[in-house]
Amino acid sequence: MVQGDIRLIQSWLLLVLGLVLVVAGGELLVRGSVRLAAWARVSPLLIGLTVVAFGTSAPELAVSIQASWSGESDIALGNIVGSNIANILLVLGLSACVAPLVVSSQLVRFDVPLMILASVAMWALAWDGLLNRWNGVLLFGALLIYLVWSIRASRREGAVVQEQFAEQFQPPSQVRGTDLLISIVLVLVGLGLLTLGSSWLVEGAVSVATWFGVSQLIIGLTIVAFGTSLPELVTSIIAVFHGERDLAVGNLVGSNLFNILCVAGLTSMIVPGGITVSTEAFRFDLPIMIAVAITCFPVFWSGHRIDRWEGALLFGYYLVYLAYQILAASYPEIPMAFPILVFGFALPLTAITLLVSVIHWLRRGNSA
């Protein structure tokens, strides 16, 4: 075995081990954060919409900061954009295929439109090819406003919602004082695993991309994005099997908001030079992320539920997107067709989804 093959194997091992540590760290961070919030008597609704969403987005944050500090902005941006696309098309699609999902009216009225607005804002701020420190301040400031709104909204939540989240998370009255130490340990260990795992993940991904001649952006949009979306996938699938189908949807929408406002915002703020946005990402991947976010609205609005056929449709979209990324890596001339793909494929696909969802909802209403 030649030295180059040994290095390739080492790179793949780093990438896989990095994924494992990132997922494990995110899981421990979620558990520790939830226990700390319960010990501090934070509202159960606030735990679900903010703490869990931030916890499952922690891998994206760790990887993006590590990649940006290492000068690998394409991986940092691809991780954010790819994770948002994967959360909706892959994770939400598969979750809905397992069982139809319930969508709360709050998500339709506020959170999904905010996710769409945040996606458009990120694309607009990247117009000059850079998410700089002031762009990061704007995005992170929007996150703080969202958190304040969530806290106020949690004070108006009804008893039904309180009971729903109490089934998923341990109620404050049942948390013993000794749990505080365990919670802190879980958070610290989770952060440690995230730090080490993200470093290995970025190093392995860059090495593999260099070896095969694949762009770092595509590696970030596919392998890294899928790996950092695993916490959302595991959380949502488990929530579906436990009957907490609204939690599965809320977790994904909240995670997408945190990916844009917190991960992109915080990374742009603290990393010198911010996040460089390539022409390829600006012309194709960011618009696809926006189209995916817009697709959520008609799907969620039609009857406030996501049926299995809609989940299968979302998952099919992801397979098409993944196939394109693979083809683009193999045939460099494909990126020349960006405008055709965006305006001739993505936007009509979104319009078809809207039309089919509305027709299906109207037929179901008339037959009731």
Protein backbone atom coordinates (compact mmCIF):
# COMPACT_ATOMS: atom_id res chain seq x y z
CA MET A 1 0.00 0.00 0.00
CA VAL A 2 1.51 3.33 -1.09
CA GLN A 3 1.83 6.31 1.20
CA GLY A 4 -0.90 8.21 -0.64
CA ASP A 5 -3.43 5.44 0.00
CA ILE A 6 -2.54 5.43 3.69
CA ARG A 7 -3.15 9.18 3.88
CA LEU A 8 -6.50 8.77 2.12
CA ILE A 9 -7.56 6.10 4.62
CA GLN A 10 -6.46 8.35 7.49
CA SER A 11 -8.49 11.22 6.03
CA TRP A 12 -11.62 9.06 5.79
CA LEU A 13 -11.10 7.85 9.37
CA LEU A 14 -10.78 11.44 10.58
CA LEU A 15 -13.96 12.37 8.70
CA VAL A 16 -15.98 9.44 10.07
CA LEU A 17 -14.67 9.79 13.64
CA GLY A 18 -15.33 13.52 13.45
CA LEU A 19 -18.95 12.86 12.45
CA VAL A 20 -19.38 10.40 15.34
CA LEU A 21 -17.93 12.82 17.90
CA VAL A 22 -19.97 15.76 16.56
CA VAL A 23 -23.22 13.79 16.78
CA ALA A 24 -22.38 12.42 20.24
CA GLY A 25 -21.37 15.86 21.45
CA GLY A 26 -24.57 17.41 20.13
CA GLU A 27 -26.65 14.72 21.86
CA LEU A 28 -24.92 15.28 25.22
CA LEU A 29 -25.22 19.04 24.84
CA VAL A 30 -28.96 18.74 24.17
CA ARG A 31 -29.49 16.52 27.21
CA GLY A 32 -27.40 18.70 29.47
CA SER A 33 -28.97 21.94 28.25
CA VAL A 34 -32.51 20.61 28.71
CA ARG A 35 -31.69 19.43 32.26
CA LEU A 36 -30.13 22.79 33.10
CA ALA A 37 -33.15 24.65 31.71
CA ALA A 38 -35.48 22.41 33.72
CA TRP A 39 -33.41 22.94 36.88
CA ALA A 40 -33.60 26.71 36.29
CA ARG A 41 -37.41 26.40 35.88
CA VAL A 42 -37.45 27.63 32.29
CA SER A 43 -40.73 27.20 30.41
CA PRO A 44 -41.07 23.79 28.68
CA LEU A 45 -42.17 25.50 25.46
CA LEU A 46 -39.07 27.68 25.53
CA ILE A 47 -36.94 24.56 26.00
CA GLY A 48 -38.40 22.95 22.92
CA LEU A 49 -38.25 25.97 20.63
CA THR A 50 -34.87 27.35 21.67
CA VAL A 51 -32.67 25.07 23.79
CA VAL A 52 -33.30 21.90 21.77
CA ALA A 53 -33.08 23.78 18.46
CA PHE A 54 -29.78 25.35 19.51
CA GLY A 55 -28.48 22.03 20.80
CA THR A 56 -29.15 20.23 17.52
CA SER A 57 -27.57 23.17 15.65
CA ALA A 58 -24.45 23.08 17.83
CA PRO A 59 -22.61 20.72 15.42
CA GLU A 60 -23.17 23.19 12.57
CA LEU A 61 -21.87 26.03 14.77
CA ALA A 62 -18.75 24.11 15.83
CA VAL A 63 -17.94 22.96 12.31
CA SER A 64 -18.53 26.37 10.68
CA ILE A 65 -16.39 28.24 13.21
CA GLN A 66 -13.60 25.66 12.95
CA ALA A 67 -13.72 25.71 9.14
CA SER A 68 -13.71 29.52 8.96
CA TRP A 69 -10.78 29.79 11.37
CA SER A 70 -8.92 27.30 9.16
CA GLY A 71 -9.59 29.43 6.09
CA GLU A 72 -12.10 26.93 4.64
CA SER A 73 -15.04 29.30 4.13
CA ASP A 74 -16.61 27.08 1.47
CA ILE A 75 -17.02 24.26 3.98
CA ALA A 76 -18.42 26.69 6.58
CA LEU A 77 -21.02 28.11 4.17
CA GLY A 78 -21.78 24.76 2.56
CA ASN A 79 -22.37 23.28 6.01
CA ILE A 80 -24.97 25.95 6.87
CA VAL A 81 -26.78 25.94 3.53
CA GLY A 82 -26.56 22.17 3.08
CA SER A 83 -27.84 21.51 6.60
CA ASN A 84 -30.88 23.73 6.06
CA ILE A 85 -31.67 21.96 2.81
CA ALA A 86 -31.15 18.53 4.39
CA ASN A 87 -33.25 19.41 7.46
CA ILE A 88 -36.34 20.10 5.36
CA LEU A 89 -36.00 17.78 2.38
CA LEU A 90 -34.24 14.82 4.00
CA VAL A 91 -35.07 14.88 7.71
CA LEU A 92 -38.60 16.29 7.50
CA GLY A 93 -39.32 14.18 4.42
CA LEU A 94 -38.24 10.93 6.09
CA SER A 95 -40.03 11.84 9.33
CA ALA A 96 -43.29 12.41 7.44
CA CYS A 97 -42.81 9.12 5.59
CA VAL A 98 -42.73 7.35 8.98
CA ALA A 99 -45.99 9.02 10.08
CA PRO A 100 -48.01 12.12 9.12
CA LEU A 101 -46.77 15.15 11.06
CA VAL A 102 -48.80 17.76 12.91
CA VAL A 103 -47.96 21.42 12.26
CA SER A 104 -48.91 23.95 14.93
CA SER A 105 -50.60 27.18 13.89
CA GLN A 106 -47.72 29.18 15.43
CA LEU A 107 -45.26 27.63 12.99
CA VAL A 108 -47.46 28.54 10.01
CA ARG A 109 -48.18 32.08 11.22
CA PHE A 110 -44.75 33.08 12.52
CA ASP A 111 -41.82 30.64 12.49
CA VAL A 112 -41.99 29.46 8.86
CA PRO A 113 -42.38 33.01 7.43
CA LEU A 114 -39.47 34.04 9.66
CA MET A 115 -37.39 31.15 8.31
CA ILE A 116 -38.16 32.28 4.76
CA LEU A 117 -37.30 35.89 5.63
CA ALA A 118 -34.02 34.84 7.29
CA SER A 119 -33.07 32.76 4.22
CA VAL A 120 -33.71 35.69 1.87
CA ALA A 121 -31.84 38.05 4.21
CA MET A 122 -28.77 35.80 4.24
CA TRP A 123 -28.78 35.68 0.43
CA ALA A 124 -29.17 39.46 0.19
CA LEU A 125 -26.34 40.10 2.65
CA ALA A 126 -24.08 37.82 0.60
CA TRP A 127 -24.61 39.93 -2.51
CA ASP A 128 -21.03 41.25 -2.38
CA GLY A 129 -19.55 37.78 -1.90
CA LEU A 130 -18.92 38.15 1.82
CA LEU A 131 -20.78 37.80 5.10
CA ASN A 132 -18.80 40.32 7.12
CA ARG A 133 -18.84 41.21 10.80
CA TRP A 134 -21.67 43.74 10.48
CA ASN A 135 -23.78 41.24 8.55
CA GLY A 136 -23.16 38.83 11.41
CA VAL A 137 -24.23 41.43 13.96
CA LEU A 138 -27.49 41.95 12.02
CA LEU A 139 -28.23 38.22 11.84
CA PHE A 140 -27.33 37.56 15.47
CA GLY A 141 -29.35 40.60 16.57
CA ALA A 142 -32.38 39.11 14.81
CA LEU A 143 -31.80 35.91 16.80
CA LEU A 144 -31.90 37.84 20.08
CA ILE A 145 -35.19 39.45 19.04
CA TYR A 146 -36.56 35.99 18.19
CA LEU A 147 -35.51 34.68 21.62
CA VAL A 148 -37.18 37.59 23.40
CA TRP A 149 -40.37 36.98 21.42
CA SER A 150 -40.22 33.26 22.24
CA ILE A 151 -39.88 33.99 25.97
CA ARG A 152 -42.90 36.28 25.91
CA ALA A 153 -44.90 33.80 23.84
CA SER A 154 -44.07 31.00 26.28
CA ARG A 155 -45.72 32.95 29.08
CA ARG A 156 -48.99 32.88 27.15
CA GLU A 157 -48.94 29.19 26.30
CA GLY A 158 -51.85 27.05 27.36
CA ALA A 159 -51.99 24.12 29.74
CA VAL A 160 -52.21 21.64 26.86
CA VAL A 161 -48.88 22.78 25.43
CA GLN A 162 -47.31 22.68 28.90
CA GLU A 163 -48.42 19.08 29.37
CA GLN A 164 -47.20 18.15 25.88
CA PHE A 165 -43.67 19.31 26.54
CA ALA A 166 -43.71 17.98 30.09
CA GLU A 167 -44.09 14.49 28.60
CA GLN A 168 -40.97 15.02 26.49
CA PHE A 169 -38.81 16.77 29.09
CA GLN A 170 -38.51 16.33 32.84
CA PRO A 171 -40.70 18.88 34.68
CA PRO A 172 -38.85 21.34 36.94
CA SER A 173 -40.56 20.02 40.09
CA GLN A 174 -39.06 16.59 39.46
CA VAL A 175 -35.48 17.81 39.05
CA ARG A 176 -33.28 17.22 42.10
CA GLY A 177 -30.50 19.58 43.15
CA THR A 178 -27.90 16.88 42.46
CA ASP A 179 -28.91 16.93 38.79
CA LEU A 180 -27.19 20.30 38.41
CA LEU A 181 -23.70 18.77 38.54
CA ILE A 182 -24.65 16.04 36.07
CA SER A 183 -26.14 18.63 33.72
CA ILE A 184 -22.98 20.77 33.81
CA VAL A 185 -20.81 17.71 33.13
CA LEU A 186 -23.00 16.72 30.17
CA VAL A 187 -22.74 20.23 28.70
CA LEU A 188 -18.95 20.41 29.17
CA VAL A 189 -18.35 16.93 27.75
CA GLY A 190 -20.69 17.70 24.84
CA LEU A 191 -18.83 20.93 24.07
CA GLY A 192 -15.51 19.09 24.25
CA LEU A 193 -16.64 16.38 21.86
CA LEU A 194 -18.07 19.00 19.50
CA THR A 195 -14.78 20.92 19.47
CA LEU A 196 -12.62 17.86 18.83
CA GLY A 197 -15.09 16.26 16.41
CA SER A 198 -15.52 19.42 14.33
CA SER A 199 -11.74 19.79 14.03
CA TRP A 200 -11.36 16.19 12.79
CA LEU A 201 -14.40 16.51 10.52
CA VAL A 202 -13.09 19.63 8.76
CA GLU A 203 -9.56 18.24 8.46
CA GLY A 204 -10.80 14.94 7.03
CA ALA A 205 -13.27 16.61 4.67
CA VAL A 206 -10.62 18.97 3.27
CA SER A 207 -8.17 16.09 2.76
CA VAL A 208 -10.73 13.91 1.00
CA ALA A 209 -11.90 16.80 -1.20
CA THR A 210 -8.31 17.61 -2.17
CA TRP A 211 -7.54 13.98 -2.95
CA PHE A 212 -10.51 13.49 -5.28
CA GLY A 213 -10.42 16.99 -6.73
CA VAL A 214 -13.90 17.76 -5.40
CA SER A 215 -14.60 21.34 -4.35
CA GLN A 216 -14.82 22.07 -0.64
CA LEU A 217 -18.22 23.68 -1.20
CA ILE A 218 -19.69 20.39 -2.46
CA ILE A 219 -18.10 18.48 0.43
CA GLY A 220 -19.67 20.99 2.83
CA LEU A 221 -23.04 20.80 1.10
CA THR A 222 -23.17 16.99 1.17
CA ILE A 223 -20.96 14.99 3.58
CA VAL A 224 -20.44 17.66 6.25
CA ALA A 225 -24.02 18.93 6.03
CA PHE A 226 -25.45 15.43 6.33
CA GLY A 227 -23.22 14.66 9.30
CA THR A 228 -24.16 17.81 11.20
CA SER A 229 -27.86 17.19 10.40
CA LEU A 230 -27.77 13.78 12.06
CA PRO A 231 -28.83 15.19 15.49
CA GLU A 232 -31.94 16.70 13.89
CA LEU A 233 -32.63 13.43 12.05
CA VAL A 234 -32.31 11.33 15.22
CA THR A 235 -34.32 13.80 17.33
CA SER A 236 -37.15 14.05 14.79
CA ILE A 237 -37.43 10.31 14.10
CA ILE A 238 -37.47 9.53 17.84
CA ALA A 239 -40.07 12.24 18.39
CA VAL A 240 -42.27 10.71 15.69
CA PHE A 241 -42.03 7.22 17.20
CA HIS A 242 -42.91 8.69 20.61
CA GLY A 243 -45.97 10.41 19.17
CA GLU A 244 -44.46 13.92 19.54
CA ARG A 245 -44.98 14.77 15.86
CA ASP A 246 -45.30 18.52 16.38
CA LEU A 247 -41.95 18.50 18.20
CA ALA A 248 -40.33 16.92 15.13
CA VAL A 249 -41.47 19.81 12.91
CA GLY A 250 -40.70 22.54 15.44
CA ASN A 251 -37.20 21.19 16.02
CA LEU A 252 -36.36 21.41 12.30
CA VAL A 253 -37.79 24.88 11.74
CA GLY A 254 -36.06 26.13 14.88
CA SER A 255 -32.77 24.52 13.84
CA ASN A 256 -32.91 26.19 10.42
CA LEU A 257 -33.48 29.55 12.07
CA PHE A 258 -30.54 28.98 14.41
CA ASN A 259 -28.33 27.86 11.51
CA ILE A 260 -28.85 31.17 9.72
CA LEU A 261 -29.16 33.63 12.59
CA CYS A 262 -26.79 32.02 15.08
CA VAL A 263 -24.32 29.87 13.12
CA ALA A 264 -23.87 32.21 10.14
CA GLY A 265 -24.24 35.31 12.30
CA LEU A 266 -21.87 34.29 15.09
CA THR A 267 -19.28 32.84 12.70
CA SER A 268 -19.28 36.04 10.63
CA MET A 269 -18.87 38.08 13.81
CA ILE A 270 -15.99 36.28 15.50
CA VAL A 271 -13.93 35.01 12.55
CA PRO A 272 -11.59 37.63 11.01
CA GLY A 273 -12.65 38.30 7.44
CA GLY A 274 -16.09 36.76 7.90
CA ILE A 275 -17.43 34.04 5.59
CA THR A 276 -16.56 34.19 1.90
CA VAL A 277 -19.50 33.38 -0.37
CA SER A 278 -18.53 31.90 -3.73
CA THR A 279 -20.37 32.81 -6.93
CA GLU A 280 -21.49 29.20 -7.21
CA ALA A 281 -23.10 29.26 -3.76
CA PHE A 282 -24.71 32.67 -4.33
CA ARG A 283 -26.18 31.81 -7.72
CA PHE A 284 -27.41 28.30 -6.98
CA ASP A 285 -27.20 26.87 -3.45
CA LEU A 286 -28.53 29.88 -1.53
CA PRO A 287 -31.51 30.25 -3.94
CA ILE A 288 -32.21 26.53 -3.54
CA MET A 289 -32.22 27.02 0.25
CA ILE A 290 -34.74 29.83 -0.18
CA ALA A 291 -36.90 27.71 -2.52
CA VAL A 292 -36.89 24.87 0.02
CA ALA A 293 -37.95 27.26 2.79
CA ILE A 294 -40.78 28.63 0.62
CA THR A 295 -41.89 25.08 -0.17
CA CYS A 296 -42.53 24.55 3.56
CA PHE A 297 -45.28 27.16 3.66
CA PRO A 298 -47.84 25.55 1.32
CA VAL A 299 -47.01 22.07 2.65
CA PHE A 300 -47.46 23.21 6.27
CA TRP A 301 -50.47 25.41 5.54
CA SER A 302 -52.54 22.74 3.77
CA GLY A 303 -54.44 21.31 6.69
CA HIS A 304 -51.68 22.03 9.24
CA ARG A 305 -50.19 18.59 8.65
CA ILE A 306 -47.62 16.89 6.47
CA ASP A 307 -48.90 13.68 4.87
CA ARG A 308 -46.74 10.75 3.81
CA TRP A 309 -46.97 11.64 0.12
CA GLU A 310 -45.72 15.14 0.88
CA GLY A 311 -42.84 13.68 2.90
CA ALA A 312 -41.98 11.40 -0.03
CA LEU A 313 -42.06 14.42 -2.35
CA LEU A 314 -39.65 16.36 -0.12
CA PHE A 315 -37.32 13.37 0.11
CA GLY A 316 -37.45 13.02 -3.68
CA TYR A 317 -36.39 16.66 -4.01
CA TYR A 318 -33.36 15.91 -1.82
CA LEU A 319 -32.33 12.96 -3.99
CA VAL A 320 -32.50 15.18 -7.07
CA TYR A 321 -30.42 17.87 -5.34
CA LEU A 322 -27.86 15.30 -4.18
CA ALA A 323 -27.65 13.81 -7.69
CA TYR A 324 -26.96 17.26 -9.10
CA GLN A 325 -24.12 17.83 -6.62
CA ILE A 326 -22.53 14.52 -7.59
CA LEU A 327 -22.85 15.34 -11.30
CA ALA A 328 -21.43 18.82 -10.75
CA ALA A 329 -18.40 17.30 -9.05
CA SER A 330 -17.87 14.91 -11.96
CA TYR A 331 -18.64 17.31 -14.82
CA PRO A 332 -17.43 20.89 -14.14
CA GLU A 333 -19.34 22.25 -17.14
CA ILE A 334 -22.67 21.64 -15.35
CA PRO A 335 -22.40 24.79 -13.15
CA MET A 336 -22.77 26.84 -16.36
CA ALA A 337 -26.44 25.83 -16.30
CA PHE A 338 -27.13 27.43 -12.88
CA PRO A 339 -29.72 29.99 -14.10
CA ILE A 340 -31.58 27.32 -16.09
CA LEU A 341 -31.64 24.95 -13.12
CA VAL A 342 -32.80 27.60 -10.66
CA PHE A 343 -35.46 29.29 -12.79
CA GLY A 344 -36.38 26.30 -14.92
CA PHE A 345 -36.40 23.60 -12.25
CA ALA A 346 -36.36 24.79 -8.62
CA LEU A 347 -38.98 27.54 -8.89
CA PRO A 348 -41.47 25.53 -11.00
CA LEU A 349 -41.00 22.61 -8.62
CA THR A 350 -41.91 24.86 -5.71
CA ALA A 351 -44.96 26.16 -7.60
CA ILE A 352 -46.11 22.61 -8.38
CA THR A 353 -45.76 21.64 -4.71
CA LEU A 354 -47.86 24.65 -3.70
CA LEU A 355 -50.57 23.86 -6.25
CA VAL A 356 -50.77 20.15 -5.43
CA SER A 357 -50.87 20.82 -1.67
CA VAL A 358 -53.67 23.36 -2.01
CA ILE A 359 -55.74 21.12 -4.31
CA HIS A 360 -55.28 18.15 -1.98
CA TRP A 361 -56.30 20.28 1.03
CA LEU A 362 -59.41 21.62 -0.76
CA ARG A 363 -60.50 18.12 -1.79
CA ARG A 364 -60.03 16.84 1.74
CA GLY A 365 -62.07 19.77 3.06
CA ASN A 366 -64.90 19.20 0.60
CA SER A 367 -65.07 15.46 1.35
CA ALA A 368 -65.22 16.06 5.11
